[in-house]
Protein backbone atom coordinates (compact mmCIF):
# COMPACT_ATOMS: atom_id res chain seq x y z
CA MET A 1 42.93 72.08 -21.98
CA ALA A 2 41.06 70.61 -19.33
CA THR A 3 37.20 70.46 -19.51
CA THR A 4 34.83 70.79 -16.71
CA THR A 5 31.87 68.66 -16.29
CA VAL A 6 28.89 70.36 -14.66
CA ILE A 7 26.48 67.98 -12.92
CA THR A 8 22.86 69.42 -12.89
CA PRO A 9 20.87 68.39 -10.07
CA PRO A 10 17.66 66.46 -11.04
CA ARG A 11 14.62 68.68 -11.00
CA PRO A 12 12.20 68.11 -8.12
CA PRO A 13 9.15 66.31 -8.99
CA THR A 14 6.01 68.32 -9.80
CA VAL A 15 3.02 68.13 -7.73
CA TRP A 16 1.27 65.93 -10.47
CA GLN A 17 4.12 63.62 -10.38
CA SER A 18 4.11 63.25 -6.74
CA LEU A 19 0.42 62.88 -6.73
CA LEU A 20 0.72 59.76 -9.08
CA GLU A 21 3.52 58.44 -7.07
CA ALA A 22 1.43 58.66 -3.88
CA ILE A 23 -1.58 56.86 -5.41
CA ARG A 24 0.59 54.21 -7.24
CA GLY A 25 2.64 53.55 -4.14
CA THR A 26 6.22 54.95 -3.34
CA HIS A 27 9.52 53.37 -2.47
CA GLN A 28 10.79 56.63 -0.81
CA ASP A 29 12.55 56.48 2.48
CA PHE A 30 10.52 58.67 4.82
CA THR A 31 13.45 59.26 7.27
CA GLN A 32 15.22 61.16 4.51
CA GLY A 33 14.68 64.03 2.07
CA SER A 34 12.02 66.76 2.03
CA ILE A 35 9.59 66.52 5.00
CA SER A 36 6.77 68.23 3.02
CA ARG A 37 7.20 65.68 0.27
CA ALA A 38 7.21 62.64 2.69
CA VAL A 39 3.97 64.10 4.42
CA PHE A 40 2.38 64.65 0.95
CA LEU A 41 3.34 61.14 -0.16
CA LEU A 42 1.92 59.39 3.06
CA ALA A 43 -1.05 61.73 3.53
CA THR A 44 -2.45 61.67 0.03
CA PRO A 45 -3.41 57.92 -0.03
CA MET A 46 -4.61 58.04 3.34
CA VAL A 47 -6.73 61.08 2.87
CA LEU A 48 -8.21 59.23 -0.31
CA GLU A 49 -8.86 56.26 1.80
CA MET A 50 -10.69 58.25 4.29
CA LEU A 51 -12.71 59.91 1.78
CA MET A 52 -13.96 56.59 0.55
CA GLU A 53 -14.61 55.57 3.95
CA SER A 54 -16.50 58.71 4.69
CA LEU A 55 -18.38 58.33 1.40
CA PHE A 56 -19.74 54.92 2.63
CA ALA A 57 -20.86 56.50 5.86
CA ILE A 58 -22.64 59.28 4.16
CA VAL A 59 -24.32 56.97 1.43
CA ASP A 60 -25.14 54.30 4.12
CA VAL A 61 -27.22 56.96 6.24
CA PHE A 62 -28.63 58.42 2.89
CA TRP A 63 -30.44 55.21 2.12
CA VAL A 64 -31.40 54.14 5.67
CA THR A 65 -33.14 57.57 6.13
CA ARG A 66 -35.52 56.52 3.62
CA LEU A 67 -36.95 53.77 6.01
CA GLY A 68 -37.94 56.30 8.77
CA ALA A 69 -36.37 57.61 11.99
CA ASP A 70 -36.54 54.25 13.93
CA ALA A 71 -34.22 52.88 11.23
CA VAL A 72 -31.84 55.60 11.64
CA ALA A 73 -31.95 55.54 15.32
CA THR A 74 -31.04 51.73 14.98
CA VAL A 75 -27.89 52.50 13.09
CA GLY A 76 -26.95 55.24 15.71
CA LEU A 77 -27.49 53.30 18.77
CA THR A 78 -25.90 50.01 17.19
CA GLU A 79 -22.77 52.13 16.19
CA SER A 80 -22.62 53.46 19.87
CA ILE A 81 -22.41 50.00 20.97
CA LEU A 82 -19.97 48.98 18.29
CA VAL A 83 -17.41 51.70 19.33
CA LEU A 84 -16.34 49.25 22.04
CA VAL A 85 -14.95 47.12 19.32
CA PHE A 86 -13.71 49.91 17.37
CA SER A 87 -11.85 50.95 20.48
CA VAL A 88 -9.90 47.69 20.58
CA ALA A 89 -9.39 47.54 17.01
CA LEU A 90 -8.00 51.05 16.87
CA GLY A 91 -5.90 50.50 20.23
CA ILE A 92 -4.12 47.46 18.74
CA SER A 93 -3.88 49.21 15.39
CA MET A 94 -2.16 52.24 16.82
CA SER A 95 0.44 49.96 18.66
CA THR A 96 0.82 47.76 15.58
CA THR A 97 1.56 50.89 13.36
CA ALA A 98 4.10 52.37 15.93
CA MET A 99 5.90 49.11 16.19
CA VAL A 100 6.00 48.10 12.34
CA ALA A 101 7.10 51.78 11.66
CA ARG A 102 10.07 51.49 14.28
CA ARG A 103 11.25 48.15 12.85
CA ILE A 104 11.04 49.53 9.38
CA GLY A 105 12.99 52.79 10.59
CA GLU A 106 15.50 50.36 11.90
CA LYS A 107 15.71 48.52 8.66
CA ASP A 108 14.40 45.24 10.39
CA SER A 109 11.89 43.91 7.96
CA ARG A 110 11.56 40.61 9.27
CA GLY A 111 10.91 42.10 12.90
CA ALA A 112 8.14 44.20 11.22
CA ALA A 113 6.63 40.95 9.56
CA THR A 114 6.75 39.29 13.02
CA ALA A 115 4.95 42.14 14.81
CA ALA A 116 2.37 42.20 12.05
CA GLY A 117 1.81 38.61 12.47
CA GLN A 118 1.40 38.56 16.31
CA ALA A 119 -0.88 41.58 15.98
CA ILE A 120 -3.22 39.68 13.67
CA LEU A 121 -3.36 36.57 16.13
CA LEU A 122 -4.21 38.93 19.02
CA GLY A 123 -6.72 40.99 17.22
CA VAL A 124 -8.69 37.91 15.83
CA ALA A 125 -8.80 36.23 19.44
CA LEU A 126 -10.13 39.48 21.15
CA ALA A 127 -12.54 40.12 18.03
CA ILE A 128 -14.24 36.64 18.79
CA LEU A 129 -14.35 37.36 22.46
CA MET A 130 -16.49 40.43 21.94
CA GLY A 131 -18.30 39.81 18.73
CA ALA A 132 -19.99 36.40 19.75
CA PRO A 133 -21.59 37.51 22.93
CA GLY A 134 -22.43 40.97 21.62
CA SER A 135 -24.28 39.28 18.80
CA TRP A 136 -26.16 36.97 21.07
CA PHE A 137 -27.50 39.74 23.49
CA ALA A 138 -28.22 42.31 20.69
CA PRO A 139 -31.77 43.14 21.88
CA ARG A 140 -30.86 43.55 25.50
CA LEU A 141 -28.02 45.81 24.48
CA LEU A 142 -30.39 48.01 22.48
CA GLU A 143 -33.08 48.10 25.40
CA TRP A 144 -30.23 49.18 27.70
CA MET A 145 -29.27 51.91 25.37
CA GLY A 146 -32.98 53.27 25.91
CA ALA A 147 -34.41 51.92 22.70
CA PRO A 148 -38.21 51.53 22.62
CA ALA A 149 -39.94 48.01 22.07
CA GLY A 150 -40.75 48.79 18.53
CA LEU A 151 -37.22 49.96 17.56
CA VAL A 152 -35.87 46.77 19.30
CA ALA A 153 -38.14 44.43 17.39
CA THR A 154 -37.24 45.75 13.81
CA GLY A 155 -33.57 46.61 14.63
CA HIS A 156 -32.15 43.99 16.66
CA ARG A 157 -31.10 41.83 13.59
CA TYR A 158 -29.05 44.86 12.31
CA THR A 159 -27.27 45.10 15.54
CA SER A 160 -26.62 41.23 15.79
CA ILE A 161 -25.09 41.06 12.46
CA ALA A 162 -23.01 44.29 12.97
CA LEU A 163 -21.64 42.94 16.35
CA GLY A 164 -21.22 39.39 14.81
CA GLY A 165 -18.97 40.64 12.20
CA SER A 166 -16.38 42.09 14.74
CA VAL A 167 -13.46 39.91 13.33
CA SER A 168 -13.85 41.50 9.89
CA VAL A 169 -13.84 44.94 11.61
CA MET A 170 -10.78 44.08 13.64
CA LEU A 171 -8.79 42.75 10.66
CA LEU A 172 -9.64 45.57 8.44
CA PHE A 173 -8.22 48.02 10.84
CA LEU A 174 -5.26 45.91 11.57
CA ASN A 175 -4.17 45.05 8.22
CA ASN A 176 -4.35 48.44 7.14
CA ALA A 177 -2.43 49.63 10.23
CA ILE A 178 0.35 47.30 9.15
CA PHE A 179 0.40 48.92 5.61
CA ARG A 180 0.72 52.42 7.02
CA GLY A 181 3.30 51.49 9.47
CA ALA A 182 5.37 50.23 6.58
CA GLY A 183 4.85 53.20 4.57
CA ASP A 184 2.41 51.35 1.94
CA ALA A 185 -0.46 53.98 2.46
CA SER A 186 -1.29 53.34 -1.05
CA ILE A 187 -2.07 49.70 -0.59
CA ALA A 188 -4.47 50.64 2.49
CA MET A 189 -6.17 53.04 0.36
CA ARG A 190 -6.80 50.53 -2.46
CA VAL A 191 -8.11 47.81 0.14
CA LEU A 192 -10.67 50.47 1.45
CA TRP A 193 -11.81 51.36 -1.87
CA VAL A 194 -12.62 47.86 -2.81
CA SER A 195 -14.15 47.09 0.41
CA ASN A 196 -16.39 50.07 0.41
CA LEU A 197 -17.30 50.08 -3.42
CA ILE A 198 -18.71 46.55 -2.72
CA ASN A 199 -20.50 47.91 0.30
CA LEU A 200 -21.96 50.80 -1.66
CA THR A 201 -23.25 48.73 -4.38
CA LEU A 202 -24.91 46.01 -2.12
CA ASP A 203 -26.47 48.59 0.16
CA PRO A 204 -29.68 49.80 -1.87
CA CYS A 205 -29.76 46.25 -3.39
CA LEU A 206 -30.19 44.60 -0.10
CA ILE A 207 -32.17 47.39 1.73
CA PHE A 208 -34.85 47.74 -0.87
CA GLY A 209 -34.73 44.42 -2.67
CA LEU A 210 -33.53 45.72 -5.95
CA GLY A 211 -33.52 42.82 -8.81
CA PRO A 212 -32.78 39.46 -7.43
CA PHE A 213 -31.86 40.66 -3.95
CA PRO A 214 -34.22 40.03 -0.96
CA ARG A 215 -35.74 43.26 0.54
CA LEU A 216 -34.03 43.24 4.12
CA GLY A 217 -34.82 46.95 5.21
CA VAL A 218 -32.27 48.09 7.71
CA THR A 219 -30.81 44.57 8.23
CA GLY A 220 -29.61 44.81 4.55
CA ALA A 221 -27.28 47.60 5.35
CA ALA A 222 -25.63 45.39 8.00
CA VAL A 223 -25.39 42.55 5.65
CA SER A 224 -23.59 44.59 2.73
CA THR A 225 -21.36 46.21 5.24
CA LEU A 226 -20.43 42.77 6.65
CA THR A 227 -19.73 41.50 3.09
CA GLY A 228 -17.70 44.54 1.96
CA ARG A 229 -15.41 44.37 4.80
CA SER A 230 -14.87 40.48 4.64
CA LEU A 231 -13.99 40.75 1.11
CA GLY A 232 -11.62 43.51 1.90
CA VAL A 233 -9.81 41.35 4.54
CA LEU A 234 -9.36 38.77 2.15
CA TYR A 235 -7.76 41.19 -0.32
CA GLN A 236 -5.38 42.45 2.49
CA LEU A 237 -4.29 38.93 3.47
CA TRP A 238 -3.45 38.10 -0.17
CA ILE A 239 -1.40 41.13 -0.50
CA LEU A 240 0.39 40.52 2.87
CA THR A 241 1.16 36.83 2.12
CA ARG A 242 2.04 37.13 -1.44
CA GLY A 243 4.88 39.60 -1.35
CA HIS A 244 3.02 42.60 -2.87
CA SER A 245 3.89 44.93 -0.01
CA ARG A 246 6.86 46.14 1.98
CA ILE A 247 6.15 43.70 4.59
CA VAL A 248 5.89 39.93 3.46
CA ILE A 249 4.11 37.76 6.31
CA ARG A 250 5.20 34.06 6.41
CA ARG A 251 3.86 31.03 8.16
CA PRO A 252 6.61 31.38 10.95
CA ASP A 253 5.35 34.99 11.76
CA PHE A 254 2.11 33.49 12.97
CA ARG A 255 3.65 31.14 15.46
CA LEU A 256 3.24 32.45 18.95
CA ALA A 257 6.06 34.80 20.00
CA PRO A 258 5.75 35.61 23.58
CA ARG A 259 8.00 38.59 23.75
CA VAL A 260 6.66 40.25 20.75
CA ILE A 261 3.07 39.70 21.57
CA GLY A 262 3.77 40.89 25.16
CA SER A 263 5.19 44.08 24.02
CA LEU A 264 2.04 44.49 21.71
CA ILE A 265 -0.33 43.88 24.59
CA ARG A 266 1.55 46.26 26.81
CA VAL A 267 1.36 49.07 24.35
CA SER A 268 -2.14 48.15 23.05
CA SER A 269 -3.76 47.90 26.60
CA THR A 270 -3.24 51.75 27.05
CA GLY A 271 -4.05 52.21 23.50
CA VAL A 272 -7.49 50.32 23.78
CA ALA A 273 -8.16 52.13 27.01
CA GLN A 274 -7.40 55.57 25.11
CA PHE A 275 -9.94 54.87 22.38
CA ALA A 276 -12.53 53.11 24.83
CA VAL A 277 -12.45 56.34 27.05
CA ALA A 278 -13.08 58.42 23.98
CA HIS A 279 -15.75 56.26 22.33
CA THR A 280 -17.68 55.16 25.34
CA SER A 281 -18.22 58.84 26.06
CA TRP A 282 -20.21 58.91 22.72
CA ILE A 283 -22.37 56.04 24.29
CA ALA A 284 -23.08 58.43 27.31
CA LEU A 285 -23.87 61.05 24.92
CA VAL A 286 -26.34 59.03 22.86
CA ARG A 287 -27.95 57.83 26.10
CA ILE A 288 -28.47 61.45 27.21
CA ILE A 289 -29.81 62.32 23.68
CA SER A 290 -32.09 59.38 23.77
CA SER A 291 -34.05 60.90 26.62
CA PHE A 292 -35.27 63.39 24.09
CA GLY A 293 -36.82 60.52 21.88
CA SER A 294 -36.02 58.67 18.55
CA THR A 295 -36.27 61.95 16.42
CA ALA A 296 -33.49 63.36 18.50
CA VAL A 297 -31.28 60.24 18.14
CA ALA A 298 -31.89 60.22 14.37
CA GLY A 299 -31.03 63.85 14.00
CA TYR A 300 -27.91 63.28 15.80
CA THR A 301 -27.08 60.18 13.65
CA ILE A 302 -27.47 62.20 10.57
CA GLY A 303 -25.59 65.09 11.77
CA ILE A 304 -22.63 63.19 13.11
CA ARG A 305 -22.38 61.06 9.94
CA ILE A 306 -22.18 64.36 7.77
CA PHE A 307 -19.68 65.59 10.03
CA ILE A 308 -17.70 62.52 10.06
CA PHE A 309 -17.77 62.57 6.17
CA ALA A 310 -15.99 65.92 6.35
CA ILE A 311 -13.13 65.22 9.02
CA LEU A 312 -12.36 61.55 8.12
CA PRO A 313 -9.64 62.91 5.44
CA SER A 314 -8.08 64.70 8.49
CA TRP A 315 -7.48 61.27 10.16
CA GLY A 316 -5.73 60.42 6.95
CA LEU A 317 -3.42 63.30 7.55
CA SER A 318 -2.95 62.51 11.17
CA GLY A 319 -2.04 59.01 10.09
CA ALA A 320 0.80 60.44 8.09
CA ALA A 321 2.01 62.04 11.27
CA ALA A 322 1.86 58.79 13.02
CA THR A 323 4.14 56.90 10.35
CA MET A 324 6.38 59.90 10.15
CA MET A 325 6.84 59.98 13.91
CA GLY A 326 7.40 56.16 14.23
CA GLN A 327 9.95 55.70 11.38
CA ASN A 328 11.93 58.68 12.29
CA LEU A 329 12.22 57.81 15.89
CA GLY A 330 13.21 54.21 14.77
CA ALA A 331 16.00 56.08 12.59
CA ARG A 332 16.86 58.17 15.64
CA LYS A 333 15.69 61.44 14.04
CA PRO A 334 13.23 62.92 16.59
CA GLU A 335 13.76 66.61 15.43
CA ARG A 336 12.64 65.55 12.04
CA ALA A 337 9.68 63.60 13.43
CA GLU A 338 8.66 66.63 15.48
CA ARG A 339 8.80 69.16 12.54
CA ALA A 340 6.58 66.50 10.55
CA VAL A 341 3.86 66.57 13.34
CA TYR A 342 3.69 70.58 13.37
CA LEU A 343 3.61 70.58 9.50
CA THR A 344 0.80 68.12 9.53
CA ALA A 345 -1.08 69.83 11.98
CA PHE A 346 -1.02 73.12 10.21
CA TYR A 347 -2.21 71.66 6.85
CA ASN A 348 -5.11 69.89 8.89
CA MET A 349 -6.07 73.31 10.54
CA LEU A 350 -6.36 74.81 7.17
CA PHE A 351 -8.59 72.11 5.91
CA LEU A 352 -10.93 72.03 8.75
CA ALA A 353 -11.38 75.68 8.97
CA LEU A 354 -12.77 75.34 5.54
CA VAL A 355 -15.00 72.62 6.56
CA ALA A 356 -16.17 74.62 9.69
CA ALA A 357 -17.11 77.81 7.57
CA VAL A 358 -19.55 75.56 5.30
CA PHE A 359 -21.06 73.82 8.27
CA ILE A 360 -21.68 76.90 10.39
CA THR A 361 -23.11 79.00 7.47
CA VAL A 362 -25.31 76.64 5.37
CA PRO A 363 -25.89 73.51 7.55
CA GLU A 364 -29.73 73.42 6.47
CA ARG A 365 -28.75 72.85 2.74
CA ILE A 366 -26.50 69.97 3.62
CA VAL A 367 -28.92 68.28 5.98
CA ARG A 368 -31.87 68.60 3.55
CA LEU A 369 -30.08 66.37 1.05
CA PHE A 370 -30.66 63.52 3.78
CA THR A 371 -34.04 64.20 5.15
CA ASP A 372 -36.82 66.56 5.14
CA ASP A 373 -38.59 65.57 8.25
CA PRO A 374 -39.50 68.57 9.98
CA ALA A 375 -39.06 66.71 13.47
CA VAL A 376 -35.55 65.44 12.68
CA MET A 377 -33.99 68.32 10.63
CA PRO A 378 -33.65 70.89 13.75
CA PHE A 379 -31.54 68.31 15.64
CA ALA A 380 -29.23 67.44 12.66
CA VAL A 381 -28.87 71.04 11.80
CA SER A 382 -28.11 71.77 15.41
CA CYS A 383 -25.50 69.11 15.69
CA LEU A 384 -23.63 70.14 12.56
CA ARG A 385 -23.38 73.78 13.38
CA ILE A 386 -22.53 73.45 17.14
CA ILE A 387 -19.89 70.83 16.70
CA ALA A 388 -18.17 72.47 13.77
CA TYR A 389 -17.29 75.46 16.12
CA GLY A 390 -14.67 73.12 17.54
CA ASN A 391 -12.89 72.16 14.21
CA LEU A 392 -9.72 74.19 14.89
CA SER A 393 -9.34 72.47 18.19
CA TYR A 394 -9.87 69.01 16.27
CA ALA A 395 -7.32 69.80 13.87
CA TRP A 396 -4.52 70.19 16.16
CA GLY A 397 -6.02 67.66 18.84
CA MET A 398 -6.24 64.64 16.54
CA VAL A 399 -2.66 65.09 15.06
CA MET A 400 -1.29 65.34 18.66
CA VAL A 401 -3.00 62.00 19.63
CA GLN A 402 -1.67 60.31 16.48
CA ALA A 403 1.80 61.70 17.15
CA PHE A 404 1.93 60.30 20.60
CA ASN A 405 0.54 56.99 19.35
CA GLY A 406 3.31 56.98 16.35
CA ALA A 407 5.95 57.23 19.07
CA GLY A 408 4.34 54.21 21.03
CA ASP A 409 3.25 56.29 23.99
CA THR A 410 -0.35 55.50 24.30
CA ILE A 411 -0.62 56.31 28.00
CA THR A 412 -0.42 60.15 27.45
CA PRO A 413 -3.50 60.28 25.26
CA THR A 414 -5.42 57.87 27.53
CA ILE A 415 -4.93 60.30 30.44
CA ILE A 416 -5.86 63.17 28.36
CA ASN A 417 -8.99 61.48 27.00
CA MET A 418 -10.11 60.46 30.60
CA ILE A 419 -9.80 64.25 31.74
CA GLY A 420 -11.39 65.67 28.42
CA PHE A 421 -14.35 63.26 27.94
CA TRP A 422 -15.25 61.96 31.22
CA LEU A 423 -14.40 64.97 33.55
CA VAL A 424 -15.30 67.53 31.17
CA GLU A 425 -17.64 66.46 28.30
CA ILE A 426 -20.06 64.01 29.94
CA PRO A 427 -20.76 66.06 33.11
CA LEU A 428 -20.99 69.29 31.04
CA ALA A 429 -23.30 67.68 28.61
CA TRP A 430 -25.80 66.48 31.33
CA ALA A 431 -25.55 69.79 33.05
CA LEU A 432 -26.28 71.78 30.02
CA ALA A 433 -28.83 69.38 28.88
CA PHE A 434 -30.91 69.24 31.98
CA PRO A 435 -30.27 71.73 34.93
CA ALA A 436 -29.39 74.42 32.20
CA ARG A 437 -32.35 73.47 30.23
CA MET A 438 -30.70 73.51 26.89
CA GLN A 439 -31.77 69.80 26.09
CA VAL A 440 -30.15 68.33 23.13
CA ARG A 441 -28.35 71.57 22.02
CA GLY A 442 -26.50 71.50 25.51
CA VAL A 443 -25.16 67.86 24.57
CA PHE A 444 -23.81 69.21 21.19
CA THR A 445 -22.25 72.40 22.81
CA ALA A 446 -20.31 70.15 25.39
CA VAL A 447 -18.42 68.48 22.58
CA PRO A 448 -16.39 71.51 21.11
CA ILE A 449 -15.64 72.69 24.61
CA ALA A 450 -14.22 69.33 25.75
CA GLU A 451 -12.13 69.10 22.40
CA PHE A 452 -10.61 72.41 23.24
CA PHE A 453 -9.41 71.08 26.59
CA ILE A 454 -8.09 68.01 25.10
CA THR A 455 -5.91 69.94 22.58
CA VAL A 456 -4.56 72.43 24.89
CA MET A 457 -3.51 69.58 27.22
CA GLY A 458 -2.14 67.55 24.15
CA LEU A 459 0.04 70.57 22.80
CA THR A 460 1.24 71.13 26.48
CA VAL A 461 2.60 67.52 26.92
CA PHE A 462 3.95 67.34 23.44
CA LEU A 463 6.04 70.34 23.87
CA ARG A 464 7.88 68.83 26.81
CA GLY A 465 9.19 66.22 24.50
CA ARG A 466 9.21 63.05 26.91
CA TRP A 467 7.86 61.03 23.88
CA LYS A 468 11.47 61.35 22.30
CA LYS A 469 12.53 58.73 24.89
CA ILE A 470 9.99 56.04 24.35
CA ARG A 471 11.21 52.69 23.48
CA ILE A 472 9.00 49.88 21.96
């Protein structure tokens, strides 16, 4: 009598097992299997990475607020200048993630390593070109941003160190972009945890002179940030060159490869423009806000730091969409890539709706954790509440932008950002602040309105599907 062997399919992993796998690192092929599980495995370490980054941002401003409004304004004005460096770093990072993800999707690990090596060369060269003059002209840059003489005198060293450390900023972004493109999101998470834990430990020590450390005031915040980022970069390079990731960069990968670096520059140029358009709009916003004094800038800085603390995990979710987009397009599975984008945007919407509910109903309680200055608090509360009204737009808009970037289409988001920020947000902010006499509240109101326009434009273009034909 014949016997029949029944093969029982393996049980799908539990949520807890998937969570542990995501944190430890996974070898799953993201071009196959469940899309929800793939997004979960990619997004979990990215969200945890961004939580650590947002924790640093919020703790940093927590300590600096103890030094007074001028110190907080110094941080806010410097970050508005530093966004130019961030724009370049993010632009190159997006093209690097897209190119590495494509090569991984095509099963070309050596091509991915070459792209990574060329991206590092390009990033270092550009960071030096920006950081050196920025550090030298720090006092003049603060004056140009509308800082009073007293703030320039006490804060220019902070600005000089922050801009002088541009190489560490660039490489921290770029190397983690390489890990994400390869699907090693857990490594990027661990690197940022190490970097920011060092930063968080040094911050109060160098600001207030605890123990053997010198009391550097607001300058200490810049020194601790530079130290944490630099050590994080060394850790990244050790992982990349020692074979502890899906990509292993060897010495030949750092030899100039004109074709690869040309492709990176081509995609990065519009990527840099994309983020420069978005980030320089914040410079314009801060310049308008500075017309109303240091307390207004301080309130904005506190409010926006709290807001960033809440939404950075959303950028982690968006990063998962970019990786899924790149790898599945490389594997010639555009429909799978599209489904991953919509699913990620839906999850992001649920998360940011919860954040908006908190910020709109109880912003005073949150702001009071950082300052009780009666002159600063109203600005911070207003910033937090008004900008949170745009959270549903942010949820879809940021995923759409990352999806285009993951496909290698950096031109479309650049055009969308130009229209949304420079043709809608900045003119509207000025009009509401001055002719409409809403003052700083008018600047804050312009932000969610502009983001709504950006989201509508992004969804409209994404639905047309031209991104499916992009080749990099």
